[in-house]
């Protein structure tokens, strides 16, 4: 017996969940292509740079950067897109591009 008026076969959902912590490390580049994508990036020290690209139905990204020069770029293509960027430093720049079908 099916509940809640659902018809047709049930399909498993895929999820890609990443948490990245960088202490004075190299630039972070993350590409996600699952149905649900979640990324958390925390960067401290030096000049920080993070790039996240997500393609899926549900996309969420959070980036926190504490450095001299901070750069963040997020590209999301999906039905539900959410991005948060927090930066503290001498030079801060961010670019967020969100598209929905």
C-alpha atoms as a PDB file:
ATOM      1  CA  UNK A   1       0.000   0.000   0.000  1.00  0.00           C
ATOM      2  CA  UNK A   2       1.357   3.406  -0.955  1.00  0.00           C
ATOM      3  CA  UNK A   3       0.967   6.380   1.303  1.00  0.00           C
ATOM      4  CA  UNK A   4       0.365  10.015   0.605  1.00  0.00           C
ATOM      5  CA  UNK A   5      -0.821   9.830  -3.001  1.00  0.00           C
ATOM      6  CA  UNK A   6       2.542   8.875  -4.443  1.00  0.00           C
ATOM      7  CA  UNK A   7       2.387   7.088  -7.762  1.00  0.00           C
ATOM      8  CA  UNK A   8       5.018   5.305  -9.797  1.00  0.00           C
ATOM      9  CA  UNK A   9       8.193   3.626  -8.638  1.00  0.00           C
ATOM     10  CA  UNK A  10      10.258   4.977  -5.773  1.00  0.00           C
ATOM     11  CA  UNK A  11      13.823   6.045  -6.588  1.00  0.00           C
ATOM     12  CA  UNK A  12      16.757   6.390  -4.246  1.00  0.00           C
ATOM     13  CA  UNK A  13      18.073   9.914  -3.924  1.00  0.00           C
ATOM     14  CA  UNK A  14      21.778  10.647  -4.106  1.00  0.00           C
ATOM     15  CA  UNK A  15      23.528  13.150  -1.876  1.00  0.00           C
ATOM     16  CA  UNK A  16      27.042  14.600  -1.903  1.00  0.00           C
ATOM     17  CA  UNK A  17      27.948  16.251   1.407  1.00  0.00           C
ATOM     18  CA  UNK A  18      31.405  17.770   1.906  1.00  0.00           C
ATOM     19  CA  UNK A  19      32.993  19.694   4.758  1.00  0.00           C
ATOM     20  CA  UNK A  20      36.393  21.243   4.078  1.00  0.00           C
ATOM     21  CA  UNK A  21      38.584  22.941   6.690  1.00  0.00           C
ATOM     22  CA  UNK A  22      41.723  24.703   5.436  1.00  0.00           C
ATOM     23  CA  UNK A  23      44.290  26.344   7.685  1.00  0.00           C
ATOM     24  CA  UNK A  24      46.631  28.332   5.430  1.00  0.00           C
ATOM     25  CA  UNK A  25      46.244  25.762   2.678  1.00  0.00           C
ATOM     26  CA  UNK A  26      45.906  25.905  -1.105  1.00  0.00           C
ATOM     27  CA  UNK A  27      42.773  27.119  -2.917  1.00  0.00           C
ATOM     28  CA  UNK A  28      39.687  24.925  -2.577  1.00  0.00           C
ATOM     29  CA  UNK A  29      37.882  23.794  -5.739  1.00  0.00           C
ATOM     30  CA  UNK A  30      34.809  21.578  -5.352  1.00  0.00           C
ATOM     31  CA  UNK A  31      32.467  20.246  -8.057  1.00  0.00           C
ATOM     32  CA  UNK A  32      29.290  18.408  -7.029  1.00  0.00           C
ATOM     33  CA  UNK A  33      26.780  16.734  -9.358  1.00  0.00           C
ATOM     34  CA  UNK A  34      24.364  14.765  -7.165  1.00  0.00           C
ATOM     35  CA  UNK A  35      20.637  15.202  -6.687  1.00  0.00           C
ATOM     36  CA  UNK A  36      21.340  16.903  -3.332  1.00  0.00           C
ATOM     37  CA  UNK A  37      24.622  18.796  -2.856  1.00  0.00           C
ATOM     38  CA  UNK A  38      25.868  20.344   0.378  1.00  0.00           C
ATOM     39  CA  UNK A  39      29.227  22.040   0.913  1.00  0.00           C
ATOM     40  CA  UNK A  40      30.739  23.677   3.963  1.00  0.00           C
ATOM     41  CA  UNK A  41      34.095  25.439   3.539  1.00  0.00           C
ATOM     42  CA  UNK A  42      35.991  27.027   6.458  1.00  0.00           C
ATOM     43  CA  UNK A  43      39.284  28.746   5.638  1.00  0.00           C
ATOM     44  CA  UNK A  44      41.728  30.559   7.943  1.00  0.00           C
ATOM     45  CA  UNK A  45      45.101  32.174   7.254  1.00  0.00           C
ATOM     46  CA  UNK A  46      46.970  33.635   4.315  1.00  0.00           C
ATOM     47  CA  UNK A  47      45.070  34.448   1.160  1.00  0.00           C
ATOM     48  CA  UNK A  48      42.003  32.223   0.913  1.00  0.00           C
ATOM     49  CA  UNK A  49      40.228  31.143  -2.267  1.00  0.00           C
ATOM     50  CA  UNK A  50      37.207  28.856  -2.649  1.00  0.00           C
ATOM     51  CA  UNK A  51      35.268  27.797  -5.745  1.00  0.00           C
ATOM     52  CA  UNK A  52      32.164  25.599  -5.485  1.00  0.00           C
ATOM     53  CA  UNK A  53      30.099  24.428  -8.470  1.00  0.00           C
ATOM     54  CA  UNK A  54      26.916  22.456  -7.810  1.00  0.00           C
ATOM     55  CA  UNK A  55      24.482  20.885 -10.260  1.00  0.00           C
ATOM     56  CA  UNK A  56      21.484  19.089  -8.766  1.00  0.00           C
ATOM     57  CA  UNK A  57      17.925  19.568  -7.576  1.00  0.00           C
ATOM     58  CA  UNK A  58      18.913  20.817  -4.089  1.00  0.00           C
ATOM     59  CA  UNK A  59      22.136  22.812  -3.633  1.00  0.00           C
ATOM     60  CA  UNK A  60      23.481  24.442  -0.476  1.00  0.00           C
ATOM     61  CA  UNK A  61      26.855  26.091   0.172  1.00  0.00           C
ATOM     62  CA  UNK A  62      28.317  27.865   3.183  1.00  0.00           C
ATOM     63  CA  UNK A  63      31.744  29.514   3.000  1.00  0.00           C
ATOM     64  CA  UNK A  64      33.562  31.266   5.868  1.00  0.00           C
ATOM     65  CA  UNK A  65      36.930  32.873   5.150  1.00  0.00           C
ATOM     66  CA  UNK A  66      39.345  34.650   7.501  1.00  0.00           C
ATOM     67  CA  UNK A  67      42.524  35.795   5.755  1.00  0.00           C
ATOM     68  CA  UNK A  68      44.375  38.682   4.160  1.00  0.00           C
ATOM     69  CA  UNK A  69      42.674  38.516   0.764  1.00  0.00           C
ATOM     70  CA  UNK A  70      39.557  36.357   0.498  1.00  0.00           C
ATOM     71  CA  UNK A  71      37.921  35.191  -2.705  1.00  0.00           C
ATOM     72  CA  UNK A  72      34.816  33.030  -3.091  1.00  0.00           C
ATOM     73  CA  UNK A  73      32.913  31.896  -6.184  1.00  0.00           C
ATOM     74  CA  UNK A  74      29.769  29.750  -6.151  1.00  0.00           C
ATOM     75  CA  UNK A  75      27.826  28.476  -9.153  1.00  0.00           C
ATOM     76  CA  UNK A  76      24.585  26.588  -8.588  1.00  0.00           C
ATOM     77  CA  UNK A  77      22.183  25.084 -11.112  1.00  0.00           C
ATOM     78  CA  UNK A  78      19.113  23.498  -9.543  1.00  0.00           C
ATOM     79  CA  UNK A  79      15.561  23.935  -8.371  1.00  0.00           C
ATOM     80  CA  UNK A  80      16.478  24.947  -4.811  1.00  0.00           C
ATOM     81  CA  UNK A  81      19.730  26.921  -4.346  1.00  0.00           C
ATOM     82  CA  UNK A  82      21.121  28.429  -1.129  1.00  0.00           C
ATOM     83  CA  UNK A  83      24.474  30.155  -0.568  1.00  0.00           C
ATOM     84  CA  UNK A  84      26.045  31.936   2.389  1.00  0.00           C
ATOM     85  CA  UNK A  85      29.449  33.653   2.195  1.00  0.00           C
ATOM     86  CA  UNK A  86      31.109  35.281   5.199  1.00  0.00           C
ATOM     87  CA  UNK A  87      34.494  36.968   4.815  1.00  0.00           C
ATOM     88  CA  UNK A  88      36.817  38.868   7.154  1.00  0.00           C
ATOM     89  CA  UNK A  89      40.047  40.309   5.774  1.00  0.00           C
ATOM     90  CA  UNK A  90      41.709  43.279   4.110  1.00  0.00           C
ATOM     91  CA  UNK A  91      40.362  42.439   0.630  1.00  0.00           C
ATOM     92  CA  UNK A  92      37.142  40.443   0.167  1.00  0.00           C
ATOM     93  CA  UNK A  93      35.397  39.417  -3.025  1.00  0.00           C
ATOM     94  CA  UNK A  94      32.619  36.970  -3.808  1.00  0.00           C
ATOM     95  CA  UNK A  95      30.576  35.977  -6.810  1.00  0.00           C
ATOM     96  CA  UNK A  96      27.385  33.896  -6.617  1.00  0.00           C
ATOM     97  CA  UNK A  97      25.561  32.663  -9.716  1.00  0.00           C
ATOM     98  CA  UNK A  98      22.306  30.722  -9.247  1.00  0.00           C
ATOM     99  CA  UNK A  99      20.089  29.351 -12.011  1.00  0.00           C
ATOM    100  CA  UNK A 100      16.917  27.304 -11.845  1.00  0.00           C
ATOM    101  CA  UNK A 101      15.220  25.371 -14.640  1.00  0.00           C
END
